[in-house]
PDB file of N, CA and C in Angstrom:
ATOM      1  N   MET A   1      52.727 -36.472 -77.400  1.00  0.00           N
ATOM      2  CA  MET A   1      53.284 -34.974 -77.234  1.00  0.00           C
ATOM      3  C   MET A   1      52.846 -34.260 -78.346  1.00  0.00           C
ATOM      4  N   ASP A   2      52.264 -33.006 -77.886  1.00  0.00           N
ATOM      5  CA  ASP A   2      51.718 -32.051 -78.808  1.00  0.00           C
ATOM      6  C   ASP A   2      52.753 -31.392 -79.712  1.00  0.00           C
ATOM      7  N   GLN A   3      52.357 -30.631 -80.703  1.00  0.00           N
ATOM      8  CA  GLN A   3      53.225 -29.871 -81.601  1.00  0.00           C
ATOM      9  C   GLN A   3      54.154 -29.096 -80.875  1.00  0.00           C
ATOM     10  N   VAL A   4      53.561 -28.217 -79.977  1.00  0.00           N
ATOM     11  CA  VAL A   4      54.421 -27.219 -79.240  1.00  0.00           C
ATOM     12  C   VAL A   4      55.443 -27.913 -78.451  1.00  0.00           C
ATOM     13  N   GLY A   5      55.174 -29.092 -77.803  1.00  0.00           N
ATOM     14  CA  GLY A   5      56.094 -29.889 -77.006  1.00  0.00           C
ATOM     15  C   GLY A   5      57.231 -30.402 -77.852  1.00  0.00           C
ATOM     16  N   ARG A   6      57.021 -30.846 -78.976  1.00  0.00           N
ATOM     17  CA  ARG A   6      58.097 -31.286 -79.751  1.00  0.00           C
ATOM     18  C   ARG A   6      58.875 -30.329 -80.441  1.00  0.00           C
ATOM     19  N   ASN A   7      58.529 -29.053 -80.400  1.00  0.00           N
ATOM     20  CA  ASN A   7      59.239 -27.921 -80.916  1.00  0.00           C
ATOM     21  C   ASN A   7      59.883 -27.242 -79.889  1.00  0.00           C
ATOM     22  N   ASN A   8      59.911 -27.492 -78.623  1.00  0.00           N
ATOM     23  CA  ASN A   8      60.594 -26.819 -77.645  1.00  0.00           C
ATOM     24  C   ASN A   8      61.845 -27.479 -77.468  1.00  0.00           C
ATOM     25  N   ARG A   9      62.912 -26.719 -77.273  1.00  0.00           N
ATOM     26  CA  ARG A   9      64.195 -27.393 -76.816  1.00  0.00           C
ATOM     27  C   ARG A   9      65.164 -26.383 -76.040  1.00  0.00           C
ATOM     28  N   ARG A  10      66.139 -26.825 -75.456  1.00  0.00           N
ATOM     29  CA  ARG A  10      67.009 -25.900 -74.556  1.00  0.00           C
ATOM     30  C   ARG A  10      68.272 -25.514 -75.488  1.00  0.00           C
ATOM     31  N   ASN A  11      68.849 -24.462 -75.435  1.00  0.00           N
ATOM     32  CA  ASN A  11      70.013 -24.101 -76.103  1.00  0.00           C
ATOM     33  C   ASN A  11      71.124 -24.382 -75.244  1.00  0.00           C
ATOM     34  N   ARG A  12      72.294 -23.829 -75.621  1.00  0.00           N
ATOM     35  CA  ARG A  12      73.570 -24.066 -74.964  1.00  0.00           C
ATOM     36  C   ARG A  12      73.500 -23.232 -73.704  1.00  0.00           C
ATOM     37  N   GLY A  13      72.813 -22.094 -73.662  1.00  0.00           N
ATOM     38  CA  GLY A  13      72.685 -21.192 -72.594  1.00  0.00           C
ATOM     39  C   GLY A  13      71.653 -21.608 -71.520  1.00  0.00           C
ATOM     40  N   GLY A  14      70.850 -22.757 -71.719  1.00  0.00           N
ATOM     41  CA  GLY A  14      69.877 -23.035 -70.853  1.00  0.00           C
ATOM     42  C   GLY A  14      68.602 -22.286 -71.173  1.00  0.00           C
ATOM     43  N   ARG A  15      68.526 -21.388 -72.037  1.00  0.00           N
ATOM     44  CA  ARG A  15      67.270 -20.807 -72.489  1.00  0.00           C
ATOM     45  C   ARG A  15      66.428 -21.717 -73.282  1.00  0.00           C
ATOM     46  N   GLU A  16      65.061 -21.557 -72.973  1.00  0.00           N
ATOM     47  CA  GLU A  16      64.295 -22.364 -73.795  1.00  0.00           C
ATOM     48  C   GLU A  16      63.923 -21.639 -75.173  1.00  0.00           C
ATOM     49  N   GLU A  17      63.772 -22.449 -76.167  1.00  0.00           N
ATOM     50  CA  GLU A  17      63.582 -21.859 -77.491  1.00  0.00           C
ATOM     51  C   GLU A  17      62.565 -22.495 -78.155  1.00  0.00           C
ATOM     52  N   HIS A  18      61.543 -21.837 -78.770  1.00  0.00           N
ATOM     53  CA  HIS A  18      60.442 -22.478 -79.405  1.00  0.00           C
ATOM     54  C   HIS A  18      60.811 -22.173 -80.907  1.00  0.00           C
ATOM     55  N   GLN A  19      60.649 -23.227 -81.720  1.00  0.00           N
ATOM     56  CA  GLN A  19      60.884 -23.045 -83.160  1.00  0.00           C
ATOM     57  C   GLN A  19      59.420 -22.655 -83.893  1.00  0.00           C
ATOM     58  N   LEU A  20      59.607 -21.610 -84.572  1.00  0.00           N
ATOM     59  CA  LEU A  20      58.648 -20.874 -85.472  1.00  0.00           C
ATOM     60  C   LEU A  20      58.934 -21.007 -86.750  1.00  0.00           C
ATOM     61  N   GLY A  21      58.219 -21.675 -87.650  1.00  0.00           N
ATOM     62  CA  GLY A  21      58.596 -21.614 -88.968  1.00  0.00           C
ATOM     63  C   GLY A  21      59.885 -22.354 -89.316  1.00  0.00           C
ATOM     64  N   ALA A  22      60.424 -23.211 -88.562  1.00  0.00           N
ATOM     65  CA  ALA A  22      61.712 -23.893 -88.672  1.00  0.00           C
ATOM     66  C   ALA A  22      61.862 -24.480 -90.132  1.00  0.00           C
ATOM     67  N   SER A  23      60.683 -25.215 -90.354  1.00  0.00           N
ATOM     68  CA  SER A  23      60.876 -26.053 -91.579  1.00  0.00           C
ATOM     69  C   SER A  23      61.068 -25.111 -92.790  1.00  0.00           C
ATOM     70  N   VAL A  24      60.696 -23.877 -92.894  1.00  0.00           N
ATOM     71  CA  VAL A  24      61.112 -22.863 -93.878  1.00  0.00           C
ATOM     72  C   VAL A  24      62.161 -21.985 -93.556  1.00  0.00           C
ATOM     73  N   GLY A  25      62.839 -22.024 -92.348  1.00  0.00           N
ATOM     74  CA  GLY A  25      63.849 -21.158 -92.197  1.00  0.00           C
ATOM     75  C   GLY A  25      63.308 -19.692 -91.773  1.00  0.00           C
ATOM     76  N   TRP A  26      62.191 -19.589 -91.229  1.00  0.00           N
ATOM     77  CA  TRP A  26      61.612 -18.352 -91.023  1.00  0.00           C
ATOM     78  C   TRP A  26      62.288 -17.718 -89.819  1.00  0.00           C
ATOM     79  N   ALA A  27      61.973 -18.117 -88.516  1.00  0.00           N
ATOM     80  CA  ALA A  27      62.532 -17.453 -87.350  1.00  0.00           C
ATOM     81  C   ALA A  27      62.207 -18.587 -86.036  1.00  0.00           C
ATOM     82  N   ARG A  28      62.854 -18.287 -85.060  1.00  0.00           N
ATOM     83  CA  ARG A  28      62.624 -19.008 -83.699  1.00  0.00           C
ATOM     84  C   ARG A  28      62.351 -18.065 -82.647  1.00  0.00           C
ATOM     85  N   SER A  29      61.756 -18.425 -81.599  1.00  0.00           N
ATOM     86  CA  SER A  29      61.751 -17.347 -80.463  1.00  0.00           C
ATOM     87  C   SER A  29      62.477 -17.825 -79.503  1.00  0.00           C
ATOM     88  N   GLU A  30      63.112 -16.895 -78.693  1.00  0.00           N
ATOM     89  CA  GLU A  30      63.860 -17.033 -77.639  1.00  0.00           C
ATOM     90  C   GLU A  30      63.428 -16.306 -76.527  1.00  0.00           C
ATOM     91  N   ALA A  31      63.213 -16.900 -75.391  1.00  0.00           N
ATOM     92  CA  ALA A  31      62.979 -16.466 -74.030  1.00  0.00           C
ATOM     93  C   ALA A  31      64.263 -16.158 -73.221  1.00  0.00           C
ATOM     94  N   ALA A  32      64.663 -15.095 -72.872  1.00  0.00           N
ATOM     95  CA  ALA A  32      65.876 -14.577 -72.329  1.00  0.00           C
ATOM     96  C   ALA A  32      65.678 -13.620 -71.296  1.00  0.00           C
ATOM     97  N   PRO A  33      66.459 -13.447 -70.215  1.00  0.00           N
ATOM     98  CA  PRO A  33      66.334 -12.318 -69.100  1.00  0.00           C
ATOM     99  C   PRO A  33      66.242 -10.992 -69.779  1.00  0.00           C
ATOM    100  N   ASP A  34      66.507 -10.746 -70.972  1.00  0.00           N
ATOM    101  CA  ASP A  34      66.125  -9.446 -71.511  1.00  0.00           C
ATOM    102  C   ASP A  34      65.103  -9.319 -72.340  1.00  0.00           C
ATOM    103  N   GLY A  35      64.156 -10.311 -72.220  1.00  0.00           N
ATOM    104  CA  GLY A  35      62.885 -10.313 -73.022  1.00  0.00           C
ATOM    105  C   GLY A  35      62.757 -11.478 -73.887  1.00  0.00           C
ATOM    106  N   ASP A  36      61.656 -11.560 -74.874  1.00  0.00           N
ATOM    107  CA  ASP A  36      61.343 -12.514 -75.754  1.00  0.00           C
ATOM    108  C   ASP A  36      61.594 -12.008 -77.131  1.00  0.00           C
ATOM    109  N   TRP A  37      62.437 -12.638 -77.897  1.00  0.00           N
ATOM    110  CA  TRP A  37      62.844 -12.360 -79.106  1.00  0.00           C
ATOM    111  C   TRP A  37      62.605 -13.298 -80.173  1.00  0.00           C
ATOM    112  N   LEU A  38      62.358 -12.864 -81.395  1.00  0.00           N
ATOM    113  CA  LEU A  38      62.297 -13.676 -82.594  1.00  0.00           C
ATOM    114  C   LEU A  38      63.564 -13.537 -83.176  1.00  0.00           C
ATOM    115  N   VAL A  39      64.333 -14.597 -83.506  1.00  0.00           N
ATOM    116  CA  VAL A  39      65.666 -14.574 -84.245  1.00  0.00           C
ATOM    117  C   VAL A  39      65.731 -15.275 -85.357  1.00  0.00           C
ATOM    118  N   ARG A  40      66.199 -14.865 -86.419  1.00  0.00           N
ATOM    119  CA  ARG A  40      66.261 -15.426 -87.741  1.00  0.00           C
ATOM    120  C   ARG A  40      67.724 -15.501 -88.168  1.00  0.00           C
ATOM    121  N   SER A  41      68.269 -16.607 -88.542  1.00  0.00           N
ATOM    122  CA  SER A  41      69.724 -16.689 -88.992  1.00  0.00           C
ATOM    123  C   SER A  41      69.719 -16.244 -90.445  1.00  0.00           C
ATOM    124  N   VAL A  42      70.601 -15.565 -90.760  1.00  0.00           N
ATOM    125  CA  VAL A  42      70.847 -15.177 -92.246  1.00  0.00           C
ATOM    126  C   VAL A  42      72.148 -15.801 -92.677  1.00  0.00           C
ATOM    127  N   PRO A  43      72.170 -16.842 -93.612  1.00  0.00           N
ATOM    128  CA  PRO A  43      73.582 -17.331 -94.093  1.00  0.00           C
ATOM    129  C   PRO A  43      74.255 -16.284 -94.944  1.00  0.00           C
ATOM    130  N   GLY A  44      75.690 -16.559 -95.050  1.00  0.00           N
ATOM    131  CA  GLY A  44      76.404 -15.555 -95.874  1.00  0.00           C
ATOM    132  C   GLY A  44      76.030 -15.405 -97.154  1.00  0.00           C
ATOM    133  N   ALA A  45      75.514 -16.484 -97.832  1.00  0.00           N
ATOM    134  CA  ALA A  45      75.017 -16.174 -99.161  1.00  0.00           C
ATOM    135  C   ALA A  45      73.721 -15.343 -99.412  1.00  0.00           C
ATOM    136  N   ARG A  46      73.031 -15.181 -98.260  1.00  0.00           N
ATOM    137  CA  ARG A  46      71.939 -14.232 -98.187  1.00  0.00           C
ATOM    138  C   ARG A  46      72.221 -12.877 -97.596  1.00  0.00           C
ATOM    139  N   ALA A  47      73.318 -12.805 -97.357  1.00  0.00           N
ATOM    140  CA  ALA A  47      73.546 -11.440 -96.665  1.00  0.00           C
ATOM    141  C   ALA A  47      74.228 -10.390 -97.663  1.00  0.00           C
ATOM    142  N   THR A  48      73.360  -9.808 -98.209  1.00  0.00           N
ATOM    143  CA  THR A  48      73.715  -8.932 -99.217  1.00  0.00           C
ATOM    144  C   THR A  48      73.745  -7.305 -99.115  1.00  0.00           C
ATOM    145  N   LYS A  49      73.672  -7.080 -97.918  1.00  0.00           N
ATOM    146  CA  LYS A  49      73.770  -5.570 -97.574  1.00  0.00           C
ATOM    147  C   LYS A  49      74.500  -5.483 -96.446  1.00  0.00           C
ATOM    148  N   LEU A  50      75.172  -4.301 -96.246  1.00  0.00           N
ATOM    149  CA  LEU A  50      75.839  -3.797 -95.131  1.00  0.00           C
ATOM    150  C   LEU A  50      75.173  -3.385 -93.909  1.00  0.00           C
ATOM    151  N   TYR A  51      75.619  -3.916 -92.726  1.00  0.00           N
ATOM    152  CA  TYR A  51      74.810  -3.548 -91.410  1.00  0.00           C
ATOM    153  C   TYR A  51      75.707  -3.201 -90.380  1.00  0.00           C
ATOM    154  N   ARG A  52      75.199  -2.432 -89.407  1.00  0.00           N
ATOM    155  CA  ARG A  52      76.000  -2.309 -88.331  1.00  0.00           C
ATOM    156  C   ARG A  52      75.572  -2.948 -86.905  1.00  0.00           C
ATOM    157  N   CYS A  53      76.300  -3.709 -86.343  1.00  0.00           N
ATOM    158  CA  CYS A  53      75.743  -4.628 -85.213  1.00  0.00           C
ATOM    159  C   CYS A  53      75.697  -3.816 -84.084  1.00  0.00           C
ATOM    160  N   PRO A  54      74.542  -3.714 -83.250  1.00  0.00           N
ATOM    161  CA  PRO A  54      74.348  -2.855 -82.143  1.00  0.00           C
ATOM    162  C   PRO A  54      75.261  -3.490 -80.818  1.00  0.00           C
ATOM    163  N   GLY A  55      75.652  -4.700 -80.966  1.00  0.00           N
ATOM    164  CA  GLY A  55      76.503  -5.258 -79.777  1.00  0.00           C
ATOM    165  C   GLY A  55      77.809  -4.632 -79.806  1.00  0.00           C
ATOM    166  N   CYS A  56      78.575  -4.723 -80.937  1.00  0.00           N
ATOM    167  CA  CYS A  56      79.960  -4.193 -81.057  1.00  0.00           C
ATOM    168  C   CYS A  56      80.133  -2.968 -81.915  1.00  0.00           C
ATOM    169  N   ASP A  57      79.151  -2.409 -82.475  1.00  0.00           N
ATOM    170  CA  ASP A  57      79.404  -1.246 -83.291  1.00  0.00           C
ATOM    171  C   ASP A  57      80.023  -1.397 -84.524  1.00  0.00           C
ATOM    172  N   HIS A  58      80.544  -2.697 -84.856  1.00  0.00           N
ATOM    173  CA  HIS A  58      81.258  -3.008 -86.065  1.00  0.00           C
ATOM    174  C   HIS A  58      80.275  -3.341 -87.220  1.00  0.00           C
ATOM    175  N   GLU A  59      80.839  -3.045 -88.468  1.00  0.00           N
ATOM    176  CA  GLU A  59      80.005  -3.352 -89.538  1.00  0.00           C
ATOM    177  C   GLU A  59      79.932  -4.873 -89.727  1.00  0.00           C
ATOM    178  N   ILE A  60      78.751  -5.448 -90.176  1.00  0.00           N
ATOM    179  CA  ILE A  60      78.536  -6.731 -90.581  1.00  0.00           C
ATOM    180  C   ILE A  60      78.500  -6.671 -92.170  1.00  0.00           C
ATOM    181  N   GLN A  61      79.629  -7.217 -92.710  1.00  0.00           N
ATOM    182  CA  GLN A  61      80.047  -7.024 -94.109  1.00  0.00           C
ATOM    183  C   GLN A  61      79.106  -7.996 -94.879  1.00  0.00           C
ATOM    184  N   VAL A  62      79.071  -7.502 -96.150  1.00  0.00           N
ATOM    185  CA  VAL A  62      78.311  -8.339 -97.171  1.00  0.00           C
ATOM    186  C   VAL A  62      79.026  -9.667 -97.189  1.00  0.00           C
ATOM    187  N   GLY A  63      78.054 -10.881 -97.064  1.00  0.00           N
ATOM    188  CA  GLY A  63      78.555 -12.296 -97.196  1.00  0.00           C
ATOM    189  C   GLY A  63      78.907 -12.752 -95.782  1.00  0.00           C
ATOM    190  N   THR A  64      78.744 -12.174 -94.614  1.00  0.00           N
ATOM    191  CA  THR A  64      78.888 -12.505 -93.436  1.00  0.00           C
ATOM    192  C   THR A  64      77.725 -13.017 -92.739  1.00  0.00           C
ATOM    193  N   PRO A  65      77.650 -14.369 -92.311  1.00  0.00           N
ATOM    194  CA  PRO A  65      76.572 -14.974 -91.671  1.00  0.00           C
ATOM    195  C   PRO A  65      76.277 -14.165 -90.407  1.00  0.00           C
ATOM    196  N   HIS A  66      75.044 -13.818 -90.070  1.00  0.00           N
ATOM    197  CA  HIS A  66      74.652 -13.441 -88.752  1.00  0.00           C
ATOM    198  C   HIS A  66      73.113 -13.592 -88.411  1.00  0.00           C
ATOM    199  N   VAL A  67      72.439 -12.668 -87.542  1.00  0.00           N
ATOM    200  CA  VAL A  67      71.155 -13.158 -87.057  1.00  0.00           C
ATOM    201  C   VAL A  67      70.448 -11.751 -87.167  1.00  0.00           C
ATOM    202  N   VAL A  68      69.202 -11.797 -87.412  1.00  0.00           N
ATOM    203  CA  VAL A  68      68.137 -10.764 -87.355  1.00  0.00           C
ATOM    204  C   VAL A  68      67.436 -11.066 -86.272  1.00  0.00           C
ATOM    205  N   VAL A  69      67.106 -10.096 -85.428  1.00  0.00           N
ATOM    206  CA  VAL A  69      66.375 -10.155 -84.135  1.00  0.00           C
ATOM    207  C   VAL A  69      65.271  -9.148 -84.099  1.00  0.00           C
ATOM    208  N   TRP A  70      64.259  -9.425 -83.548  1.00  0.00           N
ATOM    209  CA  TRP A  70      63.293  -8.324 -83.157  1.00  0.00           C
ATOM    210  C   TRP A  70      62.196  -8.726 -82.052  1.00  0.00           C
ATOM    211  N   PRO A  71      61.697  -7.909 -81.258  1.00  0.00           N
ATOM    212  CA  PRO A  71      60.950  -8.325 -80.031  1.00  0.00           C
ATOM    213  C   PRO A  71      59.896  -9.182 -80.456  1.00  0.00           C
ATOM    214  N   ALA A  72      59.527 -10.311 -79.797  1.00  0.00           N
ATOM    215  CA  ALA A  72      58.675 -11.248 -80.096  1.00  0.00           C
ATOM    216  C   ALA A  72      57.064 -10.558 -80.003  1.00  0.00           C
ATOM    217  N   ASP A  73      56.656  -9.506 -79.296  1.00  0.00           N
ATOM    218  CA  ASP A  73      55.653  -8.807 -79.336  1.00  0.00           C
ATOM    219  C   ASP A  73      55.311  -7.902 -80.414  1.00  0.00           C
ATOM    220  N   GLU A  74      56.402  -7.645 -81.269  1.00  0.00           N
ATOM    221  CA  GLU A  74      56.156  -6.784 -82.350  1.00  0.00           C
ATOM    222  C   GLU A  74      56.699  -7.701 -83.747  1.00  0.00           C
ATOM    223  N   THR A  75      56.052  -8.794 -83.829  1.00  0.00           N
ATOM    224  CA  THR A  75      56.328  -9.713 -84.988  1.00  0.00           C
ATOM    225  C   THR A  75      56.258  -9.096 -86.320  1.00  0.00           C
ATOM    226  N   GLY A  76      55.372  -8.142 -86.609  1.00  0.00           N
ATOM    227  CA  GLY A  76      55.247  -7.680 -88.002  1.00  0.00           C
ATOM    228  C   GLY A  76      56.134  -6.330 -88.213  1.00  0.00           C
ATOM    229  N   SER A  77      56.855  -5.918 -87.062  1.00  0.00           N
ATOM    230  CA  SER A  77      57.467  -4.466 -87.339  1.00  0.00           C
ATOM    231  C   SER A  77      58.778  -4.745 -87.871  1.00  0.00           C
ATOM    232  N   VAL A  78      58.965  -4.095 -88.986  1.00  0.00           N
ATOM    233  CA  VAL A  78      60.406  -4.006 -89.643  1.00  0.00           C
ATOM    234  C   VAL A  78      61.209  -3.029 -89.080  1.00  0.00           C
ATOM    235  N   VAL A  79      60.506  -2.059 -88.420  1.00  0.00           N
ATOM    236  CA  VAL A  79      61.191  -0.968 -87.748  1.00  0.00           C
ATOM    237  C   VAL A  79      62.183  -1.529 -86.276  1.00  0.00           C
ATOM    238  N   ASP A  80      61.545  -2.545 -85.938  1.00  0.00           N
ATOM    239  CA  ASP A  80      62.296  -2.953 -84.567  1.00  0.00           C
ATOM    240  C   ASP A  80      63.392  -4.086 -84.950  1.00  0.00           C
ATOM    241  N   ARG A  81      63.668  -4.605 -86.173  1.00  0.00           N
ATOM    242  CA  ARG A  81      64.486  -5.374 -86.492  1.00  0.00           C
ATOM    243  C   ARG A  81      65.987  -4.957 -86.378  1.00  0.00           C
ATOM    244  N   ARG A  82      66.918  -5.683 -85.865  1.00  0.00           N
ATOM    245  CA  ARG A  82      68.326  -5.388 -85.765  1.00  0.00           C
ATOM    246  C   ARG A  82      69.211  -6.622 -86.278  1.00  0.00           C
ATOM    247  N   HIS A  83      70.282  -6.292 -86.973  1.00  0.00           N
ATOM    248  CA  HIS A  83      71.180  -7.244 -87.455  1.00  0.00           C
ATOM    249  C   HIS A  83      72.320  -7.304 -86.502  1.00  0.00           C
ATOM    250  N   TRP A  84      72.575  -8.669 -86.048  1.00  0.00           N
ATOM    251  CA  TRP A  84      73.955  -8.747 -84.974  1.00  0.00           C
ATOM    252  C   TRP A  84      74.710  -9.784 -85.580  1.00  0.00           C
ATOM    253  N   HIS A  85      75.946  -9.733 -85.163  1.00  0.00           N
ATOM    254  CA  HIS A  85      76.847 -10.931 -85.233  1.00  0.00           C
ATOM    255  C   HIS A  85      76.424 -11.782 -84.320  1.00  0.00           C
ATOM    256  N   ARG A  86      76.481 -13.125 -84.725  1.00  0.00           N
ATOM    257  CA  ARG A  86      75.939 -14.140 -83.709  1.00  0.00           C
ATOM    258  C   ARG A  86      76.663 -14.159 -82.380  1.00  0.00           C
ATOM    259  N   PRO A  87      77.868 -14.057 -82.353  1.00  0.00           N
ATOM    260  CA  PRO A  87      78.448 -13.990 -80.978  1.00  0.00           C
ATOM    261  C   PRO A  87      78.192 -12.771 -80.172  1.00  0.00           C
ATOM    262  N   CYS A  88      77.774 -11.600 -80.836  1.00  0.00           N
ATOM    263  CA  CYS A  88      77.477 -10.438 -80.028  1.00  0.00           C
ATOM    264  C   CYS A  88      76.044 -10.625 -79.496  1.00  0.00           C
ATOM    265  N   TRP A  89      75.156 -11.302 -80.383  1.00  0.00           N
ATOM    266  CA  TRP A  89      73.935 -11.661 -79.758  1.00  0.00           C
ATOM    267  C   TRP A  89      73.786 -12.518 -78.618  1.00  0.00           C
ATOM    268  N   GLU A  90      74.771 -13.580 -78.692  1.00  0.00           N
ATOM    269  CA  GLU A  90      74.738 -14.519 -77.601  1.00  0.00           C
ATOM    270  C   GLU A  90      75.347 -13.918 -76.393  1.00  0.00           C
ATOM    271  N   ALA A  91      76.196 -12.885 -76.395  1.00  0.00           N
ATOM    272  CA  ALA A  91      76.877 -12.263 -75.396  1.00  0.00           C
ATOM    273  C   ALA A  91      76.010 -11.047 -74.883  1.00  0.00           C
ATOM    274  N   ARG A  92      74.833 -10.614 -75.508  1.00  0.00           N
ATOM    275  CA  ARG A  92      74.413  -9.408 -75.091  1.00  0.00           C
ATOM    276  C   ARG A  92      73.844  -9.236 -73.633  1.00  0.00           C
ATOM    277  N   THR A  93      73.694 -10.344 -72.986  1.00  0.00           N
ATOM    278  CA  THR A  93      73.347 -10.058 -71.473  1.00  0.00           C
ATOM    279  C   THR A  93      74.507 -10.043 -70.632  1.00  0.00           C
ATOM    280  N   ARG A  94      75.642 -10.198 -71.283  1.00  0.00           N
ATOM    281  CA  ARG A  94      76.976 -10.018 -70.350  1.00  0.00           C
ATOM    282  C   ARG A  94      77.617  -8.739 -70.543  1.00  0.00           C
ATOM    283  N   ARG A  95      77.194  -7.892 -71.537  1.00  0.00           N
ATOM    284  CA  ARG A  95      77.927  -6.816 -71.768  1.00  0.00           C
ATOM    285  C   ARG A  95      76.926  -5.608 -72.140  1.00  0.00           C
ATOM    286  N   THR A  96      77.253  -4.282 -72.203  1.00  0.00           N
ATOM    287  CA  THR A  96      76.438  -3.402 -72.588  1.00  0.00           C
ATOM    288  C   THR A  96      76.532  -3.084 -74.221  1.00  0.00           C
ATOM    289  N   LEU A  97      75.455  -2.474 -74.543  1.00  0.00           N
ATOM    290  CA  LEU A  97      75.508  -2.071 -75.996  1.00  0.00           C
ATOM    291  C   LEU A  97      76.448  -1.022 -76.174  1.00  0.00           C
ATOM    292  N   THR A  98      77.122  -1.106 -77.371  1.00  0.00           N
ATOM    293  CA  THR A  98      77.889  -0.088 -77.884  1.00  0.00           C
ATOM    294  C   THR A  98      77.369   0.948 -78.919  1.00  0.00           C
ATOM    295  N   ARG A  99      77.296   2.054 -78.739  1.00  0.00           N
ATOM    296  CA  ARG A  99      76.566   2.906 -79.849  1.00  0.00           C
ATOM    297  C   ARG A  99      77.704   3.853 -80.395  1.00  0.00           C
ATOM    298  N   ARG A 100      77.592   4.254 -81.584  1.00  0.00           N
ATOM    299  CA  ARG A 100      78.566   5.157 -82.252  1.00  0.00           C
ATOM    300  C   ARG A 100      77.681   6.595 -81.989  1.00  0.00           C
ATOM    301  N   ARG A 101      78.397   7.576 -81.824  1.00  0.00           N
ATOM    302  CA  ARG A 101      77.667   9.027 -81.650  1.00  0.00           C
ATOM    303  C   ARG A 101      77.873   9.783 -82.867  1.00  0.00           C
TER     304      ARG A 101
END
């Protein structure tokens, strides 16, 4: 089995994920109906800033574990990164985005 084959797996939602830089905790790619994304987990100890989740429009408090996501085709773009609560990210295809005006 090649390296790519060993790193592929199915997550709970049945989407295929590819592990990128998993050994150093960098990011993983997710292919989903809403596109291909790079996803990085942020543990609570590393969450040192306040962010607003685009899924629920609530704040992600300092110390709260969450995920950072950006389009897979824009891997180097800081502008496209968004911080999400993990449950909001996982539910994004089942509900619409909430935006504050």
